[in-house]
Amino acid sequence: MTQANGIIKSCYQLGLLSVSEKGVPLSSLLGWRKREGKLFELNHGVYK
């Protein structure tokens, strides 16, 4: 997980991680925050 954090921080403006409820404590310890609100998918130039 710490290696993934480094890659994401150095290569991308935004990193998203999907975890189960059991994985929340670990992701929280590594600085990941739960996203509140809606998420949208960009599919062939159209937001869905």
PDB file of N, CA and C in Angstrom:
ATOM      1  N   MET A   1       0.819  -1.185   0.000  1.00  0.00           N
ATOM      2  CA  MET A   1       0.000   0.000   0.000  1.00  0.00           C
ATOM      3  C   MET A   1       0.866   1.254   0.000  1.00  0.00           C
ATOM      4  N   THR A   2       1.943   1.254   0.764  1.00  0.00           N
ATOM      5  CA  THR A   2       2.778   2.453   0.789  1.00  0.00           C
ATOM      6  C   THR A   2       3.459   2.676  -0.561  1.00  0.00           C
ATOM      7  N   GLN A   3       3.815   1.609  -1.259  1.00  0.00           N
ATOM      8  CA  GLN A   3       4.389   1.760  -2.599  1.00  0.00           C
ATOM      9  C   GLN A   3       3.354   2.298  -3.574  1.00  0.00           C
ATOM     10  N   ALA A   4       2.124   1.824  -3.457  1.00  0.00           N
ATOM     11  CA  ALA A   4       1.048   2.324  -4.327  1.00  0.00           C
ATOM     12  C   ALA A   4       0.831   3.816  -4.077  1.00  0.00           C
ATOM     13  N   ASN A   5       0.873   4.240  -2.815  1.00  0.00           N
ATOM     14  CA  ASN A   5       0.727   5.663  -2.498  1.00  0.00           C
ATOM     15  C   ASN A   5       1.781   6.494  -3.211  1.00  0.00           C
ATOM     16  N   GLY A   6       3.016   6.045  -3.175  1.00  0.00           N
ATOM     17  CA  GLY A   6       4.094   6.776  -3.826  1.00  0.00           C
ATOM     18  C   GLY A   6       3.910   6.886  -5.327  1.00  0.00           C
ATOM     19  N   ILE A   7       3.495   5.816  -5.955  1.00  0.00           N
ATOM     20  CA  ILE A   7       3.258   5.819  -7.402  1.00  0.00           C
ATOM     21  C   ILE A   7       2.119   6.764  -7.749  1.00  0.00           C
ATOM     22  N   ILE A   8       1.035   6.665  -7.012  1.00  0.00           N
ATOM     23  CA  ILE A   8      -0.124   7.521  -7.283  1.00  0.00           C
ATOM     24  C   ILE A   8       0.234   8.992  -7.099  1.00  0.00           C
ATOM     25  N   LYS A   9       0.935   9.326  -6.009  1.00  0.00           N
ATOM     26  CA  LYS A   9       1.302  10.720  -5.747  1.00  0.00           C
ATOM     27  C   LYS A   9       2.236  11.286  -6.804  1.00  0.00           C
ATOM     28  N   SER A  10       3.145  10.463  -7.322  1.00  0.00           N
ATOM     29  CA  SER A  10       4.118  10.972  -8.286  1.00  0.00           C
ATOM     30  C   SER A  10       3.605  10.990  -9.722  1.00  0.00           C
ATOM     31  N   CYS A  11       2.562  10.224 -10.019  1.00  0.00           N
ATOM     32  CA  CYS A  11       2.127  10.094 -11.411  1.00  0.00           C
ATOM     33  C   CYS A  11       0.734  10.658 -11.707  1.00  0.00           C
ATOM     34  N   TYR A  12      -0.079  10.856 -10.687  1.00  0.00           N
ATOM     35  CA  TYR A  12      -1.477  11.216 -10.930  1.00  0.00           C
ATOM     36  C   TYR A  12      -1.919  12.369 -10.049  1.00  0.00           C
ATOM     37  N   GLN A  13      -2.892  13.133 -10.536  1.00  0.00           N
ATOM     38  CA  GLN A  13      -3.467  14.228  -9.755  1.00  0.00           C
ATOM     39  C   GLN A  13      -4.499  13.714  -8.766  1.00  0.00           C
ATOM     40  N   LEU A  14      -5.111  12.573  -9.060  1.00  0.00           N
ATOM     41  CA  LEU A  14      -6.170  12.020  -8.229  1.00  0.00           C
ATOM     42  C   LEU A  14      -6.004  10.518  -8.144  1.00  0.00           C
ATOM     43  N   GLY A  15      -6.117   9.991  -6.964  1.00  0.00           N
ATOM     44  CA  GLY A  15      -6.059   8.542  -6.776  1.00  0.00           C
ATOM     45  C   GLY A  15      -7.324   8.062  -6.104  1.00  0.00           C
ATOM     46  N   LEU A  16      -7.904   7.008  -6.616  1.00  0.00           N
ATOM     47  CA  LEU A  16      -9.113   6.426  -6.032  1.00  0.00           C
ATOM     48  C   LEU A  16      -8.836   4.983  -5.660  1.00  0.00           C
ATOM     49  N   LEU A  17      -9.353   4.587  -4.524  1.00  0.00           N
ATOM     50  CA  LEU A  17      -9.127   3.248  -4.021  1.00  0.00           C
ATOM     51  C   LEU A  17     -10.441   2.705  -3.506  1.00  0.00           C
ATOM     52  N   SER A  18     -10.774   1.520  -3.902  1.00  0.00           N
ATOM     53  CA  SER A  18     -11.994   0.875  -3.424  1.00  0.00           C
ATOM     54  C   SER A  18     -11.592  -0.155  -2.374  1.00  0.00           C
ATOM     55  N   VAL A  19     -12.171  -0.030  -1.184  1.00  0.00           N
ATOM     56  CA  VAL A  19     -11.868  -0.975  -0.113  1.00  0.00           C
ATOM     57  C   VAL A  19     -13.165  -1.460   0.525  1.00  0.00           C
ATOM     58  N   SER A  20     -13.080  -2.626   1.136  1.00  0.00           N
ATOM     59  CA  SER A  20     -14.216  -3.143   1.895  1.00  0.00           C
ATOM     60  C   SER A  20     -14.270  -2.419   3.238  1.00  0.00           C
ATOM     61  N   GLU A  21     -15.330  -2.625   3.985  1.00  0.00           N
ATOM     62  CA  GLU A  21     -15.436  -2.022   5.315  1.00  0.00           C
ATOM     63  C   GLU A  21     -14.292  -2.478   6.214  1.00  0.00           C
ATOM     64  N   LYS A  22     -13.848  -3.713   6.037  1.00  0.00           N
ATOM     65  CA  LYS A  22     -12.724  -4.224   6.840  1.00  0.00           C
ATOM     66  C   LYS A  22     -11.407  -3.534   6.475  1.00  0.00           C
ATOM     67  N   GLY A  23     -11.312  -3.026   5.256  1.00  0.00           N
ATOM     68  CA  GLY A  23     -10.089  -2.375   4.809  1.00  0.00           C
ATOM     69  C   GLY A  23     -10.010  -0.899   5.152  1.00  0.00           C
ATOM     70  N   VAL A  24     -11.103  -0.329   5.629  1.00  0.00           N
ATOM     71  CA  VAL A  24     -11.135   1.105   5.939  1.00  0.00           C
ATOM     72  C   VAL A  24     -10.081   1.512   6.974  1.00  0.00           C
ATOM     73  N   PRO A  25      -9.915   0.774   8.078  1.00  0.00           N
ATOM     74  CA  PRO A  25      -8.892   1.193   9.050  1.00  0.00           C
ATOM     75  C   PRO A  25      -7.483   1.273   8.444  1.00  0.00           C
ATOM     76  N   LEU A  26      -7.107   0.318   7.616  1.00  0.00           N
ATOM     77  CA  LEU A  26      -5.785   0.339   6.996  1.00  0.00           C
ATOM     78  C   LEU A  26      -5.649   1.522   6.048  1.00  0.00           C
ATOM     79  N   SER A  27      -6.632   1.726   5.194  1.00  0.00           N
ATOM     80  CA  SER A  27      -6.538   2.838   4.255  1.00  0.00           C
ATOM     81  C   SER A  27      -6.521   4.173   4.994  1.00  0.00           C
ATOM     82  N   SER A  28      -7.247   4.278   6.096  1.00  0.00           N
ATOM     83  CA  SER A  28      -7.234   5.504   6.901  1.00  0.00           C
ATOM     84  C   SER A  28      -5.864   5.760   7.504  1.00  0.00           C
ATOM     85  N   LEU A  29      -5.211   4.709   7.989  1.00  0.00           N
ATOM     86  CA  LEU A  29      -3.866   4.851   8.549  1.00  0.00           C
ATOM     87  C   LEU A  29      -2.872   5.373   7.514  1.00  0.00           C
ATOM     88  N   LEU A  30      -3.113   5.057   6.259  1.00  0.00           N
ATOM     89  CA  LEU A  30      -2.207   5.477   5.186  1.00  0.00           C
ATOM     90  C   LEU A  30      -2.588   6.828   4.589  1.00  0.00           C
ATOM     91  N   GLY A  31      -3.592   7.484   5.178  1.00  0.00           N
ATOM     92  CA  GLY A  31      -3.942   8.833   4.731  1.00  0.00           C
ATOM     93  C   GLY A  31      -5.076   8.917   3.730  1.00  0.00           C
ATOM     94  N   TRP A  32      -5.658   7.795   3.365  1.00  0.00           N
ATOM     95  CA  TRP A  32      -6.784   7.821   2.445  1.00  0.00           C
ATOM     96  C   TRP A  32      -8.032   8.283   3.194  1.00  0.00           C
ATOM     97  N   ARG A  33      -8.880   9.035   2.516  1.00  0.00           N
ATOM     98  CA  ARG A  33     -10.109   9.536   3.121  1.00  0.00           C
ATOM     99  C   ARG A  33     -11.317   8.996   2.372  1.00  0.00           C
ATOM    100  N   LYS A  34     -12.394   8.791   3.097  1.00  0.00           N
ATOM    101  CA  LYS A  34     -13.629   8.324   2.484  1.00  0.00           C
ATOM    102  C   LYS A  34     -14.243   9.457   1.670  1.00  0.00           C
ATOM    103  N   ARG A  35     -14.616   9.154   0.455  1.00  0.00           N
ATOM    104  CA  ARG A  35     -15.234  10.124  -0.436  1.00  0.00           C
ATOM    105  C   ARG A  35     -16.704  10.260  -0.086  1.00  0.00           C
ATOM    106  N   GLU A  36     -17.124  11.476   0.175  1.00  0.00           N
ATOM    107  CA  GLU A  36     -18.536  11.755   0.432  1.00  0.00           C
ATOM    108  C   GLU A  36     -19.107  12.408  -0.818  1.00  0.00           C
ATOM    109  N   GLY A  37     -20.260  11.982  -1.221  1.00  0.00           N
ATOM    110  CA  GLY A  37     -20.898  12.585  -2.385  1.00  0.00           C
ATOM    111  C   GLY A  37     -20.936  11.639  -3.570  1.00  0.00           C
ATOM    112  N   LYS A  38     -21.393  12.170  -4.669  1.00  0.00           N
ATOM    113  CA  LYS A  38     -21.581  11.361  -5.880  1.00  0.00           C
ATOM    114  C   LYS A  38     -20.276  11.202  -6.645  1.00  0.00           C
ATOM    115  N   LEU A  39     -20.147  10.069  -7.305  1.00  0.00           N
ATOM    116  CA  LEU A  39     -19.058   9.821  -8.235  1.00  0.00           C
ATOM    117  C   LEU A  39     -19.659   9.645  -9.624  1.00  0.00           C
ATOM    118  N   PHE A  40     -18.941  10.086 -10.628  1.00  0.00           N
ATOM    119  CA  PHE A  40     -19.415   9.971 -12.002  1.00  0.00           C
ATOM    120  C   PHE A  40     -18.374   9.270 -12.848  1.00  0.00           C
ATOM    121  N   GLU A  41     -18.826   8.587 -13.859  1.00  0.00           N
ATOM    122  CA  GLU A  41     -17.958   7.878 -14.792  1.00  0.00           C
ATOM    123  C   GLU A  41     -17.986   8.618 -16.125  1.00  0.00           C
ATOM    124  N   LEU A  42     -16.820   8.894 -16.687  1.00  0.00           N
ATOM    125  CA  LEU A  42     -16.734   9.484 -18.014  1.00  0.00           C
ATOM    126  C   LEU A  42     -16.584   8.340 -18.999  1.00  0.00           C
ATOM    127  N   ASN A  43     -17.595   8.121 -19.829  1.00  0.00           N
ATOM    128  CA  ASN A  43     -17.637   7.003 -20.752  1.00  0.00           C
ATOM    129  C   ASN A  43     -17.909   7.522 -22.150  1.00  0.00           C
ATOM    130  N   HIS A  44     -16.894   7.476 -22.984  1.00  0.00           N
ATOM    131  CA  HIS A  44     -16.998   7.965 -24.375  1.00  0.00           C
ATOM    132  C   HIS A  44     -17.430   9.419 -24.407  1.00  0.00           C
ATOM    133  N   GLY A  45     -16.867  10.243 -23.512  1.00  0.00           N
ATOM    134  CA  GLY A  45     -17.134  11.666 -23.496  1.00  0.00           C
ATOM    135  C   GLY A  45     -18.448  12.062 -22.846  1.00  0.00           C
ATOM    136  N   VAL A  46     -19.161  11.119 -22.257  1.00  0.00           N
ATOM    137  CA  VAL A  46     -20.442  11.418 -21.622  1.00  0.00           C
ATOM    138  C   VAL A  46     -20.371  10.991 -20.149  1.00  0.00           C
ATOM    139  N   TYR A  47     -20.728  11.914 -19.256  1.00  0.00           N
ATOM    140  CA  TYR A  47     -20.764  11.565 -17.834  1.00  0.00           C
ATOM    141  C   TYR A  47     -22.003  10.755 -17.534  1.00  0.00           C
ATOM    142  N   LYS A  48     -21.833   9.646 -16.802  1.00  0.00           N
ATOM    143  CA  LYS A  48     -22.960   8.794 -16.437  1.00  0.00           C
ATOM    144  C   LYS A  48     -23.025   8.684 -14.933  1.00  0.00           C
TER     145      LYS A  48
END
